[in-house]
C-alpha cells in the first residue's frame, strides 16, 4: 500500500497471489504467468447412509458450525443438482439436508462436490499452478489491458525485486 501511495507500484497492474497448501514451508516467491488450468467442479450423488454415525457425532459437537455448513450445503447442493438435472433432462426433486421442515414421503438426495484436475500437456515452468506444486508462493501480475501485459510483467518483476 505504501508503494501504491508513493507511486512506485506499477500502474494498471493487479497481482494474483496464490499460497501453497503448506504456507510455512514455502520455498519463496515466484513471479508467474496465469494459466488456464483450473480444477473442474463435479457434483456426485452419494448414499444417505454413507457415514451416519460420524456425521451425527460431528454435528452434535459442532451445532452452530453444523448449521452453517448445512445452509451452505443447501445452496451448493441445490445449484449443483439443478445443473446435473437439467443436463440429464429428468424431473427429480432435490431437498437440502439442512432444510428445517421435510416431508418424510420425499426422497432426499445427497451430493458431494469433488474437484477434478484437468491434465496439462507440457506445462511451462513459469505458470502459477506449477509454482504452487513446487512449493512457491505464486505472484501473477496482470492487467485489464492485454496490450501492455509484457510491460506489466517486467514492471512487476522490477517492483518485486525492489520490495523483497
C-alpha atoms as a PDB file:
ATOM      1  CA  UNK A   1       0.000   0.000   0.000  1.00  0.00           C
ATOM      2  CA  UNK A   2       2.891   2.288   0.816  1.00  0.00           C
ATOM      3  CA  UNK A   3       4.335   1.779  -2.682  1.00  0.00           C
ATOM      4  CA  UNK A   4       0.956   2.481  -4.288  1.00  0.00           C
ATOM      5  CA  UNK A   5       0.657   5.747  -2.334  1.00  0.00           C
ATOM      6  CA  UNK A   6       4.212   6.734  -3.336  1.00  0.00           C
ATOM      7  CA  UNK A   7       3.539   5.877  -6.989  1.00  0.00           C
ATOM      8  CA  UNK A   8       6.243   3.176  -7.012  1.00  0.00           C
ATOM      9  CA  UNK A   9       3.875   0.262  -7.705  1.00  0.00           C
ATOM     10  CA  UNK A  10       3.269  -0.258 -11.462  1.00  0.00           C
ATOM     11  CA  UNK A  11       0.135   1.477 -12.730  1.00  0.00           C
ATOM     12  CA  UNK A  12      -2.653  -0.676 -14.206  1.00  0.00           C
ATOM     13  CA  UNK A  13      -1.168  -3.730 -12.506  1.00  0.00           C
ATOM     14  CA  UNK A  14      -3.047  -6.256 -10.407  1.00  0.00           C
ATOM     15  CA  UNK A  15      -1.448  -9.106  -8.501  1.00  0.00           C
ATOM     16  CA  UNK A  16      -2.939 -12.533  -8.057  1.00  0.00           C
ATOM     17  CA  UNK A  17      -1.180 -14.138  -5.097  1.00  0.00           C
ATOM     18  CA  UNK A  18      -1.665 -17.856  -4.543  1.00  0.00           C
ATOM     19  CA  UNK A  19      -0.303 -19.573  -1.453  1.00  0.00           C
ATOM     20  CA  UNK A  20       0.746 -23.246  -1.425  1.00  0.00           C
ATOM     21  CA  UNK A  21      -1.014 -25.759   0.809  1.00  0.00           C
ATOM     22  CA  UNK A  22       1.850 -25.589   3.338  1.00  0.00           C
ATOM     23  CA  UNK A  23       2.391 -21.825   3.728  1.00  0.00           C
ATOM     24  CA  UNK A  24       5.025 -22.112   6.465  1.00  0.00           C
ATOM     25  CA  UNK A  25       7.149 -24.441   4.325  1.00  0.00           C
ATOM     26  CA  UNK A  26       7.070 -22.302   1.173  1.00  0.00           C
ATOM     27  CA  UNK A  27      10.254 -22.002  -0.881  1.00  0.00           C
ATOM     28  CA  UNK A  28       9.810 -18.289  -1.507  1.00  0.00           C
ATOM     29  CA  UNK A  29       8.069 -16.141  -4.100  1.00  0.00           C
ATOM     30  CA  UNK A  30       7.945 -16.857  -7.802  1.00  0.00           C
ATOM     31  CA  UNK A  31       6.760 -14.436 -10.481  1.00  0.00           C
ATOM     32  CA  UNK A  32       4.432 -16.450 -12.704  1.00  0.00           C
ATOM     33  CA  UNK A  33       2.098 -16.257 -15.666  1.00  0.00           C
ATOM     34  CA  UNK A  34      -1.579 -17.023 -15.313  1.00  0.00           C
ATOM     35  CA  UNK A  35      -2.529 -20.460 -16.556  1.00  0.00           C
ATOM     36  CA  UNK A  36      -5.822 -21.551 -17.987  1.00  0.00           C
ATOM     37  CA  UNK A  37      -5.629 -24.684 -15.807  1.00  0.00           C
ATOM     38  CA  UNK A  38      -8.308 -24.939 -13.191  1.00  0.00           C
ATOM     39  CA  UNK A  39      -9.940 -27.776 -11.343  1.00  0.00           C
ATOM     40  CA  UNK A  40     -13.326 -28.699 -12.733  1.00  0.00           C
ATOM     41  CA  UNK A  41     -16.130 -28.996 -10.155  1.00  0.00           C
ATOM     42  CA  UNK A  42     -18.009 -32.282 -10.285  1.00  0.00           C
ATOM     43  CA  UNK A  43     -21.148 -32.991  -8.241  1.00  0.00           C
ATOM     44  CA  UNK A  44     -21.680 -36.646  -7.335  1.00  0.00           C
ATOM     45  CA  UNK A  45     -24.767 -38.212  -5.809  1.00  0.00           C
ATOM     46  CA  UNK A  46     -23.899 -40.080  -2.603  1.00  0.00           C
ATOM     47  CA  UNK A  47     -25.725 -42.526  -0.377  1.00  0.00           C
ATOM     48  CA  UNK A  48     -27.622 -41.117   2.606  1.00  0.00           C
ATOM     49  CA  UNK A  49     -26.136 -43.903   4.756  1.00  0.00           C
ATOM     50  CA  UNK A  50     -22.510 -43.228   3.852  1.00  0.00           C
ATOM     51  CA  UNK A  51     -21.183 -42.179   7.289  1.00  0.00           C
ATOM     52  CA  UNK A  52     -24.240 -41.643   9.502  1.00  0.00           C
ATOM     53  CA  UNK A  53     -22.620 -42.117  12.921  1.00  0.00           C
ATOM     54  CA  UNK A  54     -19.547 -39.940  12.335  1.00  0.00           C
ATOM     55  CA  UNK A  55     -21.647 -37.175  10.785  1.00  0.00           C
ATOM     56  CA  UNK A  56     -24.090 -37.232  13.707  1.00  0.00           C
ATOM     57  CA  UNK A  57     -21.226 -37.185  16.222  1.00  0.00           C
ATOM     58  CA  UNK A  58     -19.593 -34.234  14.470  1.00  0.00           C
ATOM     59  CA  UNK A  59     -22.851 -32.286  14.214  1.00  0.00           C
ATOM     60  CA  UNK A  60     -23.691 -32.819  17.891  1.00  0.00           C
ATOM     61  CA  UNK A  61     -20.290 -31.430  18.930  1.00  0.00           C
ATOM     62  CA  UNK A  62     -20.369 -28.516  16.497  1.00  0.00           C
ATOM     63  CA  UNK A  63     -24.003 -27.427  16.355  1.00  0.00           C
ATOM     64  CA  UNK A  64     -23.517 -23.854  15.150  1.00  0.00           C
ATOM     65  CA  UNK A  65     -20.886 -24.918  12.626  1.00  0.00           C
ATOM     66  CA  UNK A  66     -23.143 -27.748  11.535  1.00  0.00           C
ATOM     67  CA  UNK A  67     -25.983 -25.322  10.878  1.00  0.00           C
ATOM     68  CA  UNK A  68     -23.721 -23.023   8.857  1.00  0.00           C
ATOM     69  CA  UNK A  69     -22.411 -25.970   6.841  1.00  0.00           C
ATOM     70  CA  UNK A  70     -25.952 -27.191   6.248  1.00  0.00           C
ATOM     71  CA  UNK A  71     -27.005 -23.763   4.972  1.00  0.00           C
ATOM     72  CA  UNK A  72     -24.000 -23.576   2.643  1.00  0.00           C
ATOM     73  CA  UNK A  73     -24.586 -27.149   1.564  1.00  0.00           C
ATOM     74  CA  UNK A  74     -28.222 -26.425   0.783  1.00  0.00           C
ATOM     75  CA  UNK A  75     -27.360 -23.658  -1.660  1.00  0.00           C
ATOM     76  CA  UNK A  76     -24.444 -25.503  -3.245  1.00  0.00           C
ATOM     77  CA  UNK A  77     -26.269 -28.835  -3.471  1.00  0.00           C
ATOM     78  CA  UNK A  78     -29.345 -27.276  -4.999  1.00  0.00           C
ATOM     79  CA  UNK A  79     -27.301 -25.397  -7.598  1.00  0.00           C
ATOM     80  CA  UNK A  80     -25.229 -28.460  -8.469  1.00  0.00           C
ATOM     81  CA  UNK A  81     -28.252 -30.706  -8.569  1.00  0.00           C
ATOM     82  CA  UNK A  82     -30.103 -28.255 -10.795  1.00  0.00           C
ATOM     83  CA  UNK A  83     -27.206 -28.275 -13.278  1.00  0.00           C
ATOM     84  CA  UNK A  84     -26.988 -32.062 -13.181  1.00  0.00           C
ATOM     85  CA  UNK A  85     -30.746 -32.482 -13.539  1.00  0.00           C
ATOM     86  CA  UNK A  86     -31.016 -30.067 -16.453  1.00  0.00           C
ATOM     87  CA  UNK A  87     -28.178 -31.899 -18.207  1.00  0.00           C
ATOM     88  CA  UNK A  88     -29.959 -35.243 -17.791  1.00  0.00           C
ATOM     89  CA  UNK A  89     -33.394 -33.756 -18.504  1.00  0.00           C
ATOM     90  CA  UNK A  90     -35.093 -35.618 -15.664  1.00  0.00           C
ATOM     91  CA  UNK A  91     -37.590 -34.273 -13.172  1.00  0.00           C
ATOM     92  CA  UNK A  92     -36.118 -35.074  -9.768  1.00  0.00           C
ATOM     93  CA  UNK A  93     -36.943 -33.077  -6.660  1.00  0.00           C
ATOM     94  CA  UNK A  94     -33.853 -32.153  -4.654  1.00  0.00           C
ATOM     95  CA  UNK A  95     -34.075 -31.344  -0.970  1.00  0.00           C
ATOM     96  CA  UNK A  96     -31.319 -29.909   1.160  1.00  0.00           C
ATOM     97  CA  UNK A  97     -30.031 -31.816   4.145  1.00  0.00           C
ATOM     98  CA  UNK A  98     -30.234 -28.507   6.017  1.00  0.00           C
ATOM     99  CA  UNK A  99     -33.957 -27.977   5.438  1.00  0.00           C
ATOM    100  CA  UNK A 100     -35.958 -27.027   8.521  1.00  0.00           C
ATOM    101  CA  UNK A 101     -39.115 -28.991   7.720  1.00  0.00           C
ATOM    102  CA  UNK A 102     -39.260 -32.015   5.499  1.00  0.00           C
ATOM    103  CA  UNK A 103     -41.941 -34.381   4.374  1.00  0.00           C
ATOM    104  CA  UNK A 104     -40.999 -37.970   5.257  1.00  0.00           C
ATOM    105  CA  UNK A 105     -42.513 -39.179   1.963  1.00  0.00           C
ATOM    106  CA  UNK A 106     -39.997 -37.235  -0.120  1.00  0.00           C
ATOM    107  CA  UNK A 107     -36.787 -38.845  -1.285  1.00  0.00           C
ATOM    108  CA  UNK A 108     -33.723 -36.944  -0.102  1.00  0.00           C
ATOM    109  CA  UNK A 109     -30.754 -36.672  -2.437  1.00  0.00           C
ATOM    110  CA  UNK A 110     -27.259 -36.026  -1.089  1.00  0.00           C
ATOM    111  CA  UNK A 111     -24.417 -34.660  -3.155  1.00  0.00           C
ATOM    112  CA  UNK A 112     -20.656 -34.335  -2.757  1.00  0.00           C
ATOM    113  CA  UNK A 113     -18.554 -31.793  -4.621  1.00  0.00           C
ATOM    114  CA  UNK A 114     -15.256 -33.068  -5.993  1.00  0.00           C
ATOM    115  CA  UNK A 115     -12.692 -31.120  -7.959  1.00  0.00           C
ATOM    116  CA  UNK A 116     -11.159 -32.984 -10.873  1.00  0.00           C
ATOM    117  CA  UNK A 117      -7.772 -31.808 -12.079  1.00  0.00           C
ATOM    118  CA  UNK A 118      -7.565 -31.339 -15.816  1.00  0.00           C
ATOM    119  CA  UNK A 119      -4.462 -32.755 -17.451  1.00  0.00           C
ATOM    120  CA  UNK A 120      -1.917 -30.268 -18.763  1.00  0.00           C
ATOM    121  CA  UNK A 121       0.272 -31.135 -21.697  1.00  0.00           C
ATOM    122  CA  UNK A 122       3.852 -29.916 -21.336  1.00  0.00           C
ATOM    123  CA  UNK A 123       3.066 -27.136 -18.884  1.00  0.00           C
ATOM    124  CA  UNK A 124       5.563 -24.290 -18.772  1.00  0.00           C
ATOM    125  CA  UNK A 125       7.549 -23.979 -15.552  1.00  0.00           C
ATOM    126  CA  UNK A 126       6.618 -20.304 -15.069  1.00  0.00           C
ATOM    127  CA  UNK A 127       2.861 -20.941 -14.772  1.00  0.00           C
ATOM    128  CA  UNK A 128       1.093 -20.248 -11.468  1.00  0.00           C
ATOM    129  CA  UNK A 129      -0.057 -23.783 -10.722  1.00  0.00           C
ATOM    130  CA  UNK A 130       3.423 -25.223 -11.384  1.00  0.00           C
ATOM    131  CA  UNK A 131       4.925 -22.776  -8.869  1.00  0.00           C
ATOM    132  CA  UNK A 132       2.318 -23.865  -6.295  1.00  0.00           C
ATOM    133  CA  UNK A 133       3.004 -27.545  -6.990  1.00  0.00           C
ATOM    134  CA  UNK A 134       6.702 -26.870  -6.382  1.00  0.00           C
ATOM    135  CA  UNK A 135       6.026 -25.123  -3.030  1.00  0.00           C
ATOM    136  CA  UNK A 136       6.385 -21.469  -4.085  1.00  0.00           C
ATOM    137  CA  UNK A 137       4.040 -18.559  -3.438  1.00  0.00           C
ATOM    138  CA  UNK A 138       2.845 -17.704  -6.957  1.00  0.00           C
ATOM    139  CA  UNK A 139       2.698 -13.971  -7.722  1.00  0.00           C
ATOM    140  CA  UNK A 140       0.965 -13.375 -11.039  1.00  0.00           C
ATOM    141  CA  UNK A 141       0.791  -9.810 -12.355  1.00  0.00           C
ATOM    142  CA  UNK A 142      -1.906  -8.989 -14.870  1.00  0.00           C
ATOM    143  CA  UNK A 143      -3.603  -6.019 -16.422  1.00  0.00           C
ATOM    144  CA  UNK A 144      -7.057  -5.377 -17.794  1.00  0.00           C
ATOM    145  CA  UNK A 145      -5.370  -4.042 -20.915  1.00  0.00           C
ATOM    146  CA  UNK A 146      -3.816  -7.022 -22.758  1.00  0.00           C
ATOM    147  CA  UNK A 147      -1.643  -4.762 -24.959  1.00  0.00           C
ATOM    148  CA  UNK A 148       0.609  -3.887 -22.012  1.00  0.00           C
ATOM    149  CA  UNK A 149       0.816  -7.383 -20.492  1.00  0.00           C
ATOM    150  CA  UNK A 150       4.547  -7.752 -21.276  1.00  0.00           C
ATOM    151  CA  UNK A 151       5.259  -4.316 -19.767  1.00  0.00           C
ATOM    152  CA  UNK A 152       3.292  -5.277 -16.642  1.00  0.00           C
ATOM    153  CA  UNK A 153       5.339  -8.494 -16.249  1.00  0.00           C
ATOM    154  CA  UNK A 154       8.592  -6.512 -16.426  1.00  0.00           C
ATOM    155  CA  UNK A 155       7.382  -3.702 -14.138  1.00  0.00           C
ATOM    156  CA  UNK A 156       6.031  -6.184 -11.572  1.00  0.00           C
ATOM    157  CA  UNK A 157       9.284  -8.150 -11.658  1.00  0.00           C
ATOM    158  CA  UNK A 158      11.283  -4.963 -11.024  1.00  0.00           C
ATOM    159  CA  UNK A 159       8.934  -3.910  -8.214  1.00  0.00           C
ATOM    160  CA  UNK A 160       9.037  -7.327  -6.502  1.00  0.00           C
ATOM    161  CA  UNK A 161      12.852  -7.388  -6.707  1.00  0.00           C
ATOM    162  CA  UNK A 162      12.985  -3.977  -5.004  1.00  0.00           C
ATOM    163  CA  UNK A 163      10.269  -4.703  -2.436  1.00  0.00           C
ATOM    164  CA  UNK A 164      11.687  -8.023  -1.269  1.00  0.00           C
END
